[in-house]
Structures are given as structure tokens and as C-alpha cells.
Amino acid sequence: MFQSVASRSVLLFLGGAAIGAGAALLFAPTSGRDTRRKLKQLSGDLAHKASTLQEACRKASVAGKEAFVHTLNGSAKSPTIETQMHH
């Protein structure tokens, strides 16, 4: 459940950022060619960030769940997020 809520929140945030950036570009005093170039670059940048952010959230969620289970079980040593990120 947490992962779906976090994923949805991230997507909503990125969507809002894209809409705001697009509106700013459309109302800026630049030529149509420059505006289209900037929008294309912005959409590519946002798509890349969204794909890396989704994977980072998934890894953090898995690491958090495992650390929680280790803590509940009274394990003396729980895995760190850095350890989980490299697996």
C-alpha cells in the first residue's frame, strides 16, 4: 500500500511540475521554435527523473520493510539502506 501511495504522489508531483514548467515556457517571450525545443528537452529530463525516482522509491520501500521486520524480530543487526541499494 505504501509503495502505491508513494508512487502516486511522486507521479502527481512530477505531473504538476511538468504542467507548471510547460505553462511558464508557453507564456515566456520566446519564439515558437525555441519554446518547442525547450519543451522537448524538459519532457525528456522529466521522463528520465521519473524513471530513476520510481526505482529509488521501490528500493527504499523494500529496505524500510526489511529493517522494520528485523526490528520487530529483535534482530541485533539490521541491513542498512546503502546495503539494500546495491543488491
PDB file of N, CA and C in Angstrom:
ATOM      1  N   MET A   1       0.817  -1.188   0.000  1.00  0.00           N
ATOM      2  CA  MET A   1       0.000   0.000   0.000  1.00  0.00           C
ATOM      3  C   MET A   1       0.862   1.254   0.000  1.00  0.00           C
ATOM      4  N   PHE A   2       1.923   1.263   0.844  1.00  0.00           N
ATOM      5  CA  PHE A   2       2.785   2.440   0.920  1.00  0.00           C
ATOM      6  C   PHE A   2       3.429   2.728  -0.427  1.00  0.00           C
ATOM      7  N   GLN A   3       3.857   1.667  -1.110  1.00  0.00           N
ATOM      8  CA  GLN A   3       4.529   1.867  -2.382  1.00  0.00           C
ATOM      9  C   GLN A   3       3.589   2.497  -3.402  1.00  0.00           C
ATOM     10  N   SER A   4       2.339   2.077  -3.441  1.00  0.00           N
ATOM     11  CA  SER A   4       1.404   2.640  -4.403  1.00  0.00           C
ATOM     12  C   SER A   4       1.076   4.093  -4.065  1.00  0.00           C
ATOM     13  N   VAL A   5       0.965   4.411  -2.788  1.00  0.00           N
ATOM     14  CA  VAL A   5       0.701   5.798  -2.377  1.00  0.00           C
ATOM     15  C   VAL A   5       1.902   6.674  -2.718  1.00  0.00           C
ATOM     16  N   ALA A   6       3.107   6.172  -2.427  1.00  0.00           N
ATOM     17  CA  ALA A   6       4.321   6.941  -2.722  1.00  0.00           C
ATOM     18  C   ALA A   6       4.487   7.125  -4.222  1.00  0.00           C
ATOM     19  N   SER A   7       4.263   6.077  -4.989  1.00  0.00           N
ATOM     20  CA  SER A   7       4.382   6.161  -6.447  1.00  0.00           C
ATOM     21  C   SER A   7       3.382   7.163  -7.010  1.00  0.00           C
ATOM     22  N   ARG A   8       2.162   7.113  -6.504  1.00  0.00           N
ATOM     23  CA  ARG A   8       1.139   8.034  -6.992  1.00  0.00           C
ATOM     24  C   ARG A   8       1.494   9.473  -6.632  1.00  0.00           C
ATOM     25  N   SER A   9       1.993   9.687  -5.426  1.00  0.00           N
ATOM     26  CA  SER A   9       2.381  11.034  -5.000  1.00  0.00           C
ATOM     27  C   SER A   9       3.514  11.572  -5.864  1.00  0.00           C
ATOM     28  N   VAL A  10       4.475  10.727  -6.151  1.00  0.00           N
ATOM     29  CA  VAL A  10       5.606  11.139  -6.989  1.00  0.00           C
ATOM     30  C   VAL A  10       5.120  11.493  -8.386  1.00  0.00           C
ATOM     31  N   LEU A  11       4.260  10.662  -8.948  1.00  0.00           N
ATOM     32  CA  LEU A  11       3.745  10.932 -10.288  1.00  0.00           C
ATOM     33  C   LEU A  11       2.910  12.211 -10.324  1.00  0.00           C
ATOM     34  N   LEU A  12       2.106  12.436  -9.299  1.00  0.00           N
ATOM     35  CA  LEU A  12       1.323  13.672  -9.240  1.00  0.00           C
ATOM     36  C   LEU A  12       2.233  14.896  -9.131  1.00  0.00           C
ATOM     37  N   PHE A  13       3.274  14.785  -8.309  1.00  0.00           N
ATOM     38  CA  PHE A  13       4.220  15.892  -8.169  1.00  0.00           C
ATOM     39  C   PHE A  13       4.911  16.183  -9.498  1.00  0.00           C
ATOM     40  N   LEU A  14       5.408  15.130 -10.159  1.00  0.00           N
ATOM     41  CA  LEU A  14       6.096  15.320 -11.436  1.00  0.00           C
ATOM     42  C   LEU A  14       5.144  15.864 -12.498  1.00  0.00           C
ATOM     43  N   GLY A  15       3.903  15.400 -12.484  1.00  0.00           N
ATOM     44  CA  GLY A  15       2.920  15.921 -13.427  1.00  0.00           C
ATOM     45  C   GLY A  15       2.657  17.402 -13.199  1.00  0.00           C
ATOM     46  N   GLY A  16       2.527  17.787 -11.946  1.00  0.00           N
ATOM     47  CA  GLY A  16       2.326  19.202 -11.627  1.00  0.00           C
ATOM     48  C   GLY A  16       3.521  20.056 -12.020  1.00  0.00           C
ATOM     49  N   ALA A  17       4.718  19.510 -11.788  1.00  0.00           N
ATOM     50  CA  ALA A  17       5.934  20.233 -12.176  1.00  0.00           C
ATOM     51  C   ALA A  17       5.999  20.403 -13.690  1.00  0.00           C
ATOM     52  N   ALA A  18       5.631  19.362 -14.418  1.00  0.00           N
ATOM     53  CA  ALA A  18       5.648  19.435 -15.885  1.00  0.00           C
ATOM     54  C   ALA A  18       4.635  20.456 -16.394  1.00  0.00           C
ATOM     55  N   ILE A  19       3.450  20.461 -15.809  1.00  0.00           N
ATOM     56  CA  ILE A  19       2.420  21.416 -16.229  1.00  0.00           C
ATOM     57  C   ILE A  19       2.873  22.849 -15.932  1.00  0.00           C
ATOM     58  N   GLY A  20       3.429  23.047 -14.743  1.00  0.00           N
ATOM     59  CA  GLY A  20       3.912  24.392 -14.385  1.00  0.00           C
ATOM     60  C   GLY A  20       5.048  24.855 -15.287  1.00  0.00           C
ATOM     61  N   ALA A  21       5.981  23.961 -15.559  1.00  0.00           N
ATOM     62  CA  ALA A  21       7.106  24.322 -16.429  1.00  0.00           C
ATOM     63  C   ALA A  21       6.619  24.587 -17.851  1.00  0.00           C
ATOM     64  N   GLY A  22       5.689  23.761 -18.310  1.00  0.00           N
ATOM     65  CA  GLY A  22       5.147  23.966 -19.653  1.00  0.00           C
ATOM     66  C   GLY A  22       4.413  25.301 -19.771  1.00  0.00           C
ATOM     67  N   ALA A  23       3.633  25.628 -18.759  1.00  0.00           N
ATOM     68  CA  ALA A  23       2.922  26.910 -18.768  1.00  0.00           C
ATOM     69  C   ALA A  23       3.899  28.081 -18.749  1.00  0.00           C
ATOM     70  N   ALA A  24       4.956  27.941 -17.958  1.00  0.00           N
ATOM     71  CA  ALA A  24       5.960  29.014 -17.902  1.00  0.00           C
ATOM     72  C   ALA A  24       6.622  29.203 -19.258  1.00  0.00           C
ATOM     73  N   LEU A  25       6.912  28.106 -19.932  1.00  0.00           N
ATOM     74  CA  LEU A  25       7.530  28.211 -21.257  1.00  0.00           C
ATOM     75  C   LEU A  25       6.577  28.799 -22.288  1.00  0.00           C
ATOM     76  N   LEU A  26       5.307  28.422 -22.197  1.00  0.00           N
ATOM     77  CA  LEU A  26       4.343  28.923 -23.175  1.00  0.00           C
ATOM     78  C   LEU A  26       4.084  30.418 -23.024  1.00  0.00           C
ATOM     79  N   PHE A  27       4.189  30.932 -21.816  1.00  0.00           N
ATOM     80  CA  PHE A  27       3.938  32.351 -21.596  1.00  0.00           C
ATOM     81  C   PHE A  27       5.206  33.202 -21.633  1.00  0.00           C
ATOM     82  N   ALA A  28       6.354  32.556 -21.765  1.00  0.00           N
ATOM     83  CA  ALA A  28       7.624  33.294 -21.842  1.00  0.00           C
ATOM     84  C   ALA A  28       7.757  33.913 -23.236  1.00  0.00           C
ATOM     85  N   PRO A  29       8.388  35.075 -23.320  1.00  0.00           N
ATOM     86  CA  PRO A  29       8.515  35.755 -24.617  1.00  0.00           C
ATOM     87  C   PRO A  29       9.667  35.170 -25.460  1.00  0.00           C
ATOM     88  N   THR A  30       9.481  33.956 -25.994  1.00  0.00           N
ATOM     89  CA  THR A  30      10.470  33.346 -26.880  1.00  0.00           C
ATOM     90  C   THR A  30       9.776  32.895 -28.156  1.00  0.00           C
ATOM     91  N   SER A  31      10.557  32.562 -29.154  1.00  0.00           N
ATOM     92  CA  SER A  31       9.986  32.115 -30.422  1.00  0.00           C
ATOM     93  C   SER A  31       9.391  30.725 -30.269  1.00  0.00           C
ATOM     94  N   GLY A  32       8.533  30.367 -31.203  1.00  0.00           N
ATOM     95  CA  GLY A  32       7.910  29.051 -31.181  1.00  0.00           C
ATOM     96  C   GLY A  32       8.926  27.935 -31.281  1.00  0.00           C
ATOM     97  N   ARG A  33       9.930  28.112 -32.124  1.00  0.00           N
ATOM     98  CA  ARG A  33      10.954  27.089 -32.292  1.00  0.00           C
ATOM     99  C   ARG A  33      11.717  26.873 -30.986  1.00  0.00           C
ATOM    100  N   ASP A  34      12.098  27.960 -30.322  1.00  0.00           N
ATOM    101  CA  ASP A  34      12.813  27.837 -29.043  1.00  0.00           C
ATOM    102  C   ASP A  34      11.931  27.198 -27.975  1.00  0.00           C
ATOM    103  N   THR A  35      10.666  27.569 -27.953  1.00  0.00           N
ATOM    104  CA  THR A  35       9.745  27.010 -26.971  1.00  0.00           C
ATOM    105  C   THR A  35       9.572  25.511 -27.179  1.00  0.00           C
ATOM    106  N   ARG A  36       9.386  25.084 -28.424  1.00  0.00           N
ATOM    107  CA  ARG A  36       9.247  23.648 -28.704  1.00  0.00           C
ATOM    108  C   ARG A  36      10.511  22.882 -28.327  1.00  0.00           C
ATOM    109  N   ARG A  37      11.669  23.454 -28.595  1.00  0.00           N
ATOM    110  CA  ARG A  37      12.941  22.816 -28.239  1.00  0.00           C
ATOM    111  C   ARG A  37      13.054  22.669 -26.725  1.00  0.00           C
ATOM    112  N   LYS A  38      12.701  23.708 -26.006  1.00  0.00           N
ATOM    113  CA  LYS A  38      12.770  23.662 -24.543  1.00  0.00           C
ATOM    114  C   LYS A  38      11.772  22.647 -23.971  1.00  0.00           C
ATOM    115  N   LEU A  39      10.560  22.606 -24.519  1.00  0.00           N
ATOM    116  CA  LEU A  39       9.561  21.638 -24.056  1.00  0.00           C
ATOM    117  C   LEU A  39      10.018  20.203 -24.303  1.00  0.00           C
ATOM    118  N   LYS A  40      10.615  19.961 -25.461  1.00  0.00           N
ATOM    119  CA  LYS A  40      11.105  18.620 -25.781  1.00  0.00           C
ATOM    120  C   LYS A  40      12.212  18.214 -24.808  1.00  0.00           C
ATOM    121  N   GLN A  41      13.127  19.125 -24.532  1.00  0.00           N
ATOM    122  CA  GLN A  41      14.218  18.842 -23.596  1.00  0.00           C
ATOM    123  C   GLN A  41      13.664  18.626 -22.184  1.00  0.00           C
ATOM    124  N   LEU A  42      12.732  19.451 -21.770  1.00  0.00           N
ATOM    125  CA  LEU A  42      12.134  19.335 -20.441  1.00  0.00           C
ATOM    126  C   LEU A  42      11.397  18.007 -20.279  1.00  0.00           C
ATOM    127  N   SER A  43      10.656  17.602 -21.290  1.00  0.00           N
ATOM    128  CA  SER A  43       9.916  16.341 -21.186  1.00  0.00           C
ATOM    129  C   SER A  43      10.872  15.159 -21.104  1.00  0.00           C
ATOM    130  N   GLY A  44      11.973  15.207 -21.838  1.00  0.00           N
ATOM    131  CA  GLY A  44      12.969  14.134 -21.750  1.00  0.00           C
ATOM    132  C   GLY A  44      13.617  14.088 -20.381  1.00  0.00           C
ATOM    133  N   ASP A  45      13.945  15.251 -19.832  1.00  0.00           N
ATOM    134  CA  ASP A  45      14.549  15.319 -18.498  1.00  0.00           C
ATOM    135  C   ASP A  45      13.591  14.785 -17.434  1.00  0.00           C
ATOM    136  N   LEU A  46      12.331  15.178 -17.518  1.00  0.00           N
ATOM    137  CA  LEU A  46      11.342  14.722 -16.534  1.00  0.00           C
ATOM    138  C   LEU A  46      11.099  13.219 -16.636  1.00  0.00           C
ATOM    139  N   ALA A  47      11.076  12.687 -17.848  1.00  0.00           N
ATOM    140  CA  ALA A  47      10.876  11.246 -18.017  1.00  0.00           C
ATOM    141  C   ALA A  47      12.034  10.474 -17.397  1.00  0.00           C
ATOM    142  N   HIS A  48      13.246  10.966 -17.593  1.00  0.00           N
ATOM    143  CA  HIS A  48      14.416  10.295 -17.013  1.00  0.00           C
ATOM    144  C   HIS A  48      14.363  10.355 -15.481  1.00  0.00           C
ATOM    145  N   LYS A  49      14.051  11.515 -14.935  1.00  0.00           N
ATOM    146  CA  LYS A  49      13.970  11.656 -13.483  1.00  0.00           C
ATOM    147  C   LYS A  49      12.870  10.778 -12.903  1.00  0.00           C
ATOM    148  N   ALA A  50      11.743  10.694 -13.578  1.00  0.00           N
ATOM    149  CA  ALA A  50      10.640   9.869 -13.091  1.00  0.00           C
ATOM    150  C   ALA A  50      11.035   8.404 -13.052  1.00  0.00           C
ATOM    151  N   SER A  51      11.749   7.944 -14.077  1.00  0.00           N
ATOM    152  CA  SER A  51      12.131   6.525 -14.100  1.00  0.00           C
ATOM    153  C   SER A  51      13.142   6.209 -13.006  1.00  0.00           C
ATOM    154  N   THR A  52      14.095   7.090 -12.742  1.00  0.00           N
ATOM    155  CA  THR A  52      15.074   6.829 -11.690  1.00  0.00           C
ATOM    156  C   THR A  52      14.460   7.007 -10.304  1.00  0.00           C
ATOM    157  N   LEU A  53      13.540   7.930 -10.167  1.00  0.00           N
ATOM    158  CA  LEU A  53      12.901   8.168  -8.873  1.00  0.00           C
ATOM    159  C   LEU A  53      12.009   6.996  -8.476  1.00  0.00           C
ATOM    160  N   GLN A  54      11.321   6.422  -9.432  1.00  0.00           N
ATOM    161  CA  GLN A  54      10.456   5.288  -9.139  1.00  0.00           C
ATOM    162  C   GLN A  54      11.283   4.113  -8.617  1.00  0.00           C
ATOM    163  N   GLU A  55      12.419   3.827  -9.238  1.00  0.00           N
ATOM    164  CA  GLU A  55      13.270   2.723  -8.787  1.00  0.00           C
ATOM    165  C   GLU A  55      13.857   3.024  -7.407  1.00  0.00           C
ATOM    166  N   ALA A  56      14.261   4.262  -7.163  1.00  0.00           N
ATOM    167  CA  ALA A  56      14.802   4.629  -5.852  1.00  0.00           C
ATOM    168  C   ALA A  56      13.744   4.478  -4.759  1.00  0.00           C
ATOM    169  N   CYS A  57      12.513   4.864  -5.048  1.00  0.00           N
ATOM    170  CA  CYS A  57      11.419   4.711  -4.073  1.00  0.00           C
ATOM    171  C   CYS A  57      11.143   3.242  -3.800  1.00  0.00           C
ATOM    172  N   ARG A  58      11.185   2.422  -4.837  1.00  0.00           N
ATOM    173  CA  ARG A  58      10.953   0.991  -4.659  1.00  0.00           C
ATOM    174  C   ARG A  58      12.027   0.381  -3.769  1.00  0.00           C
ATOM    175  N   LYS A  59      13.298   0.715  -4.025  1.00  0.00           N
ATOM    176  CA  LYS A  59      14.398   0.177  -3.224  1.00  0.00           C
ATOM    177  C   LYS A  59      14.313   0.654  -1.774  1.00  0.00           C
ATOM    178  N   ALA A  60      13.978   1.918  -1.579  1.00  0.00           N
ATOM    179  CA  ALA A  60      13.850   2.447  -0.219  1.00  0.00           C
ATOM    180  C   ALA A  60      12.691   1.781   0.513  1.00  0.00           C
ATOM    181  N   SER A  61      11.617   1.517  -0.198  1.00  0.00           N
ATOM    182  CA  SER A  61      10.471   0.851   0.413  1.00  0.00           C
ATOM    183  C   SER A  61      10.828  -0.565   0.852  1.00  0.00           C
ATOM    184  N   VAL A  62      11.517  -1.301  -0.007  1.00  0.00           N
ATOM    185  CA  VAL A  62      11.938  -2.665   0.327  1.00  0.00           C
ATOM    186  C   VAL A  62      12.886  -2.647   1.521  1.00  0.00           C
ATOM    187  N   ALA A  63      13.855  -1.738   1.513  1.00  0.00           N
ATOM    188  CA  ALA A  63      14.813  -1.646   2.618  1.00  0.00           C
ATOM    189  C   ALA A  63      14.108  -1.284   3.922  1.00  0.00           C
ATOM    190  N   GLY A  64      13.146  -0.376   3.851  1.00  0.00           N
ATOM    191  CA  GLY A  64      12.408   0.016   5.044  1.00  0.00           C
ATOM    192  C   GLY A  64      11.586  -1.124   5.618  1.00  0.00           C
ATOM    193  N   LYS A  65      10.941  -1.872   4.735  1.00  0.00           N
ATOM    194  CA  LYS A  65      10.146  -3.018   5.193  1.00  0.00           C
ATOM    195  C   LYS A  65      11.043  -4.058   5.864  1.00  0.00           C
ATOM    196  N   GLU A  66      12.180  -4.351   5.250  1.00  0.00           N
ATOM    197  CA  GLU A  66      13.090  -5.348   5.821  1.00  0.00           C
ATOM    198  C   GLU A  66      13.659  -4.877   7.160  1.00  0.00           C
ATOM    199  N   ALA A  67      14.016  -3.610   7.266  1.00  0.00           N
ATOM    200  CA  ALA A  67      14.533  -3.082   8.531  1.00  0.00           C
ATOM    201  C   ALA A  67      13.454  -3.146   9.613  1.00  0.00           C
ATOM    202  N   PHE A  68      12.219  -2.868   9.239  1.00  0.00           N
ATOM    203  CA  PHE A  68      11.108  -2.932  10.181  1.00  0.00           C
ATOM    204  C   PHE A  68      10.916  -4.356  10.691  1.00  0.00           C
ATOM    205  N   VAL A  69      10.950  -5.331   9.785  1.00  0.00           N
ATOM    206  CA  VAL A  69      10.785  -6.734  10.173  1.00  0.00           C
ATOM    207  C   VAL A  69      11.933  -7.169  11.079  1.00  0.00           C
ATOM    208  N   HIS A  70      13.165  -6.775  10.744  1.00  0.00           N
ATOM    209  CA  HIS A  70      14.306  -7.117  11.594  1.00  0.00           C
ATOM    210  C   HIS A  70      14.152  -6.516  12.993  1.00  0.00           C
ATOM    211  N   THR A  71      13.668  -5.299  13.063  1.00  0.00           N
ATOM    212  CA  THR A  71      13.470  -4.648  14.358  1.00  0.00           C
ATOM    213  C   THR A  71      12.382  -5.353  15.159  1.00  0.00           C
ATOM    214  N   LEU A  72      11.294  -5.715  14.500  1.00  0.00           N
ATOM    215  CA  LEU A  72      10.220  -6.431  15.187  1.00  0.00           C
ATOM    216  C   LEU A  72      10.682  -7.786  15.707  1.00  0.00           C
ATOM    217  N   ASN A  73      11.528  -8.444  14.957  1.00  0.00           N
ATOM    218  CA  ASN A  73      12.022  -9.760  15.362  1.00  0.00           C
ATOM    219  C   ASN A  73      13.145  -9.673  16.385  1.00  0.00           C
ATOM    220  N   GLY A  74      13.573  -8.468  16.741  1.00  0.00           N
ATOM    221  CA  GLY A  74      14.619  -8.293  17.733  1.00  0.00           C
ATOM    222  C   GLY A  74      16.006  -8.619  17.213  1.00  0.00           C
ATOM    223  N   SER A  75      16.176  -8.562  15.928  1.00  0.00           N
ATOM    224  CA  SER A  75      17.481  -8.833  15.338  1.00  0.00           C
ATOM    225  C   SER A  75      18.464  -7.763  15.789  1.00  0.00           C
ATOM    226  N   ALA A  76      19.663  -8.178  16.167  1.00  0.00           N
ATOM    227  CA  ALA A  76      20.680  -7.243  16.656  1.00  0.00           C
ATOM    228  C   ALA A  76      21.205  -6.360  15.541  1.00  0.00           C
ATOM    229  N   LYS A  77      21.292  -6.901  14.350  1.00  0.00           N
ATOM    230  CA  LYS A  77      21.852  -6.134  13.247  1.00  0.00           C
ATOM    231  C   LYS A  77      20.861  -6.125  12.091  1.00  0.00           C
ATOM    232  N   SER A  78      20.419  -4.940  11.710  1.00  0.00           N
ATOM    233  CA  SER A  78      19.500  -4.837  10.583  1.00  0.00           C
ATOM    234  C   SER A  78      20.250  -4.265   9.384  1.00  0.00           C
ATOM    235  N   PRO A  79      19.820  -4.604   8.169  1.00  0.00           N
ATOM    236  CA  PRO A  79      20.505  -4.101   6.984  1.00  0.00           C
ATOM    237  C   PRO A  79      20.307  -2.603   6.837  1.00  0.00           C
ATOM    238  N   THR A  80      21.270  -1.947   6.272  1.00  0.00           N
ATOM    239  CA  THR A  80      21.160  -0.514   6.031  1.00  0.00           C
ATOM    240  C   THR A  80      20.609  -0.280   4.640  1.00  0.00           C
ATOM    241  N   ILE A  81      20.151   0.919   4.417  1.00  0.00           N
ATOM    242  CA  ILE A  81      19.618   1.266   3.095  1.00  0.00           C
ATOM    243  C   ILE A  81      20.715   1.170   2.048  1.00  0.00           C
ATOM    244  N   GLU A  82      21.941   1.587   2.369  1.00  0.00           N
ATOM    245  CA  GLU A  82      23.033   1.509   1.411  1.00  0.00           C
ATOM    246  C   GLU A  82      23.270   0.079   0.967  1.00  0.00           C
ATOM    247  N   THR A  83      23.203  -0.852   1.909  1.00  0.00           N
ATOM    248  CA  THR A  83      23.387  -2.262   1.573  1.00  0.00           C
ATOM    249  C   THR A  83      22.293  -2.724   0.627  1.00  0.00           C
ATOM    250  N   GLN A  84      21.051  -2.331   0.897  1.00  0.00           N
ATOM    251  CA  GLN A  84      19.927  -2.742   0.059  1.00  0.00           C
ATOM    252  C   GLN A  84      19.992  -2.115  -1.323  1.00  0.00           C
ATOM    253  N   MET A  85      20.504  -0.898  -1.437  1.00  0.00           N
ATOM    254  CA  MET A  85      20.563  -0.207  -2.704  1.00  0.00           C
ATOM    255  C   MET A  85      21.514  -0.900  -3.673  1.00  0.00           C
ATOM    256  N   HIS A  86      22.495  -1.628  -3.165  1.00  0.00           N
ATOM    257  CA  HIS A  86      23.487  -2.264  -4.016  1.00  0.00           C
ATOM    258  C   HIS A  86      23.079  -3.658  -4.445  1.00  0.00           C
ATOM    259  N   HIS A  87      21.952  -4.164  -3.952  1.00  0.00           N
ATOM    260  CA  HIS A  87      21.521  -5.523  -4.318  1.00  0.00           C
ATOM    261  C   HIS A  87      20.633  -5.504  -5.499  1.00  0.00           C
TER     262      HIS A  87
END
